[in-house]
Every structure is written in C-alpha cells, then in structure tokens.
C-alpha atoms as a PDB file:
ATOM      1  CA  MET A   1       0.000   0.000   0.000  1.00  0.00           C
ATOM      2  CA  GLY A   2       1.424   3.381  -0.978  1.00  0.00           C
ATOM      3  CA  LYS A   3       1.551   6.495   1.119  1.00  0.00           C
ATOM      4  CA  CYS A   4      -1.270   8.952   0.756  1.00  0.00           C
ATOM      5  CA  LYS A   5      -0.762  12.590   1.603  1.00  0.00           C
ATOM      6  CA  ILE A   6      -3.707  14.889   2.220  1.00  0.00           C
ATOM      7  CA  LYS A   7      -3.360  18.624   2.472  1.00  0.00           C
ATOM      8  CA  LEU A   8      -6.388  20.548   3.669  1.00  0.00           C
ATOM      9  CA  ASN A   9      -7.188  23.985   2.366  1.00  0.00           C
ATOM     10  CA  SER A  10      -7.440  25.955   5.624  1.00  0.00           C
ATOM     11  CA  LYS A  11      -9.475  28.753   4.079  1.00  0.00           C
ATOM     12  CA  ASN A  12     -12.132  26.366   2.793  1.00  0.00           C
ATOM     13  CA  VAL A  13     -12.233  24.328   6.021  1.00  0.00           C
ATOM     14  CA  ARG A  14     -12.735  27.549   7.994  1.00  0.00           C
ATOM     15  CA  ALA A  15     -15.539  28.572   5.608  1.00  0.00           C
ATOM     16  CA  LEU A  16     -17.206  25.189   6.118  1.00  0.00           C
ATOM     17  CA  LEU A  17     -16.966  25.487   9.916  1.00  0.00           C
ATOM     18  CA  LYS A  18     -18.662  28.906   9.674  1.00  0.00           C
ATOM     19  CA  SER A  19     -21.374  27.837   7.218  1.00  0.00           C
ATOM     20  CA  ASP A  20     -25.139  27.910   7.733  1.00  0.00           C
ATOM     21  CA  TRP A  21     -25.188  24.119   7.314  1.00  0.00           C
ATOM     22  CA  ILE A  22     -22.885  23.602  10.319  1.00  0.00           C
ATOM     23  CA  MET A  23     -24.805  26.284  12.258  1.00  0.00           C
ATOM     24  CA  GLY A  24     -28.008  24.297  11.746  1.00  0.00           C
ATOM     25  CA  ILE A  25     -26.404  21.068  12.946  1.00  0.00           C
ATOM     26  CA  CYS A  26     -24.928  22.725  16.048  1.00  0.00           C
ATOM     27  CA  GLN A  27     -28.169  24.517  16.905  1.00  0.00           C
ATOM     28  CA  SER A  28     -30.238  21.341  16.597  1.00  0.00           C
ATOM     29  CA  LYS A  29     -27.860  19.437  18.917  1.00  0.00           C
ATOM     30  CA  ALA A  30     -27.904  22.312  21.433  1.00  0.00           C
ATOM     31  CA  THR A  31     -31.711  22.423  21.317  1.00  0.00           C
ATOM     32  CA  GLU A  32     -31.900  18.682  22.035  1.00  0.00           C
ATOM     33  CA  ILE A  33     -29.601  19.093  25.037  1.00  0.00           C
ATOM     34  CA  ARG A  34     -31.579  22.103  26.305  1.00  0.00           C
ATOM     35  CA  LYS A  35     -34.841  20.156  26.084  1.00  0.00           C
ATOM     36  CA  ARG A  36     -33.357  17.205  27.996  1.00  0.00           C
ATOM     37  CA  ALA A  37     -32.057  19.579  30.693  1.00  0.00           C
ATOM     38  CA  GLY A  38     -35.530  21.015  31.352  1.00  0.00           C
ATOM     39  CA  ASN A  39     -36.925  24.462  32.128  1.00  0.00           C
ATOM     40  CA  GLY A  40     -34.632  27.381  32.858  1.00  0.00           C
ATOM     41  CA  TYR A  41     -31.926  26.504  30.329  1.00  0.00           C
ATOM     42  CA  ALA A  42     -31.149  28.425  27.152  1.00  0.00           C
ATOM     43  CA  THR A  43     -28.841  28.314  24.136  1.00  0.00           C
ATOM     44  CA  SER A  44     -26.605  30.955  22.630  1.00  0.00           C
ATOM     45  CA  LYS A  45     -24.631  31.103  19.390  1.00  0.00           C
ATOM     46  CA  TYR A  46     -22.000  33.220  17.736  1.00  0.00           C
ATOM     47  CA  VAL A  47     -19.583  32.976  14.862  1.00  0.00           C
ATOM     48  CA  GLY A  48     -16.010  33.161  16.068  1.00  0.00           C
ATOM     49  CA  LYS A  49     -12.791  33.694  14.158  1.00  0.00           C
ATOM     50  CA  ASN A  50     -12.480  30.076  13.032  1.00  0.00           C
ATOM     51  CA  ARG A  51     -15.810  28.377  13.710  1.00  0.00           C
ATOM     52  CA  ILE A  52     -19.348  28.588  14.963  1.00  0.00           C
ATOM     53  CA  ASN A  53     -19.845  28.378  18.723  1.00  0.00           C
ATOM     54  CA  VAL A  54     -23.094  27.195  20.295  1.00  0.00           C
ATOM     55  CA  SER A  55     -23.605  26.712  24.013  1.00  0.00           C
ATOM     56  CA  VAL A  56     -26.296  25.596  26.451  1.00  0.00           C
ATOM     57  CA  TYR A  57     -26.394  27.346  29.803  1.00  0.00           C
ATOM     58  CA  ALA A  58     -28.534  27.697  32.914  1.00  0.00           C
ATOM     59  CA  LYS A  59     -30.483  30.940  32.543  1.00  0.00           C
ATOM     60  CA  THR A  60     -32.572  31.094  35.716  1.00  0.00           C
ATOM     61  CA  LYS A  61     -31.471  31.025  39.322  1.00  0.00           C
ATOM     62  CA  GLU A  62     -33.292  27.734  39.854  1.00  0.00           C
ATOM     63  CA  ALA A  63     -31.642  26.140  36.824  1.00  0.00           C
ATOM     64  CA  LYS A  64     -28.195  27.283  37.971  1.00  0.00           C
ATOM     65  CA  GLN A  65     -28.753  25.740  41.374  1.00  0.00           C
ATOM     66  CA  ASP A  66     -30.142  22.552  39.814  1.00  0.00           C
ATOM     67  CA  SER A  67     -27.195  22.253  37.452  1.00  0.00           C
ATOM     68  CA  GLN A  68     -24.706  22.797  40.242  1.00  0.00           C
ATOM     69  CA  GLU A  69     -26.306  20.278  42.604  1.00  0.00           C
ATOM     70  CA  ASN A  70     -27.271  17.609  40.061  1.00  0.00           C
ATOM     71  CA  ALA A  71     -24.881  18.138  37.105  1.00  0.00           C
ATOM     72  CA  THR A  72     -27.965  18.481  34.913  1.00  0.00           C
ATOM     73  CA  LEU A  73     -26.164  19.783  31.825  1.00  0.00           C
ATOM     74  CA  LEU A  74     -23.579  17.024  31.978  1.00  0.00           C
ATOM     75  CA  LYS A  75     -26.313  14.431  32.268  1.00  0.00           C
ATOM     76  CA  ALA A  76     -28.228  16.027  29.376  1.00  0.00           C
ATOM     77  CA  LEU A  77     -25.226  15.404  27.115  1.00  0.00           C
ATOM     78  CA  ARG A  78     -25.685  11.625  27.415  1.00  0.00           C
END
C-alpha cells in the first residue's frame, strides 16, 4: 500500500466550519440538550474567528442551582 498525503485547504475548512449548514447542525444538537435539561436553560450562538460556537447554559437562578447540585447539563449530554 502506498503512502497517501492529504493537504487541507485551511481557508475552505474555515468557511465550512462557519457555514449555515454547520450552524443548523450545532443549533439542533444544542436544542436537544436544552430540552433534555428542562426548564430554565437556554442556548446561545455566535460565529467566532475560526468556527461557529453554540452553548447551552442555565439561565434562571433555579436552573443554575439545579445544574450545580445535580450536574444536569452534563447528564443532558448523554
């Protein structure tokens, strides 16, 4: 078997990681996690220098306390 060398085009990979297609995938996964976590959790998104960033966080005081005591967000990732 011969050697195969692959060279990625950084500019195009960065464009892919910032695309609407990837944004949709990330948002749908974050929404699933938020729903599993329950009430009081929210999602946020932004486009960074190299990629899209989506997060799920505890928005209310009750959700923050619940997440801290029960590791709700970690369990919602399963």
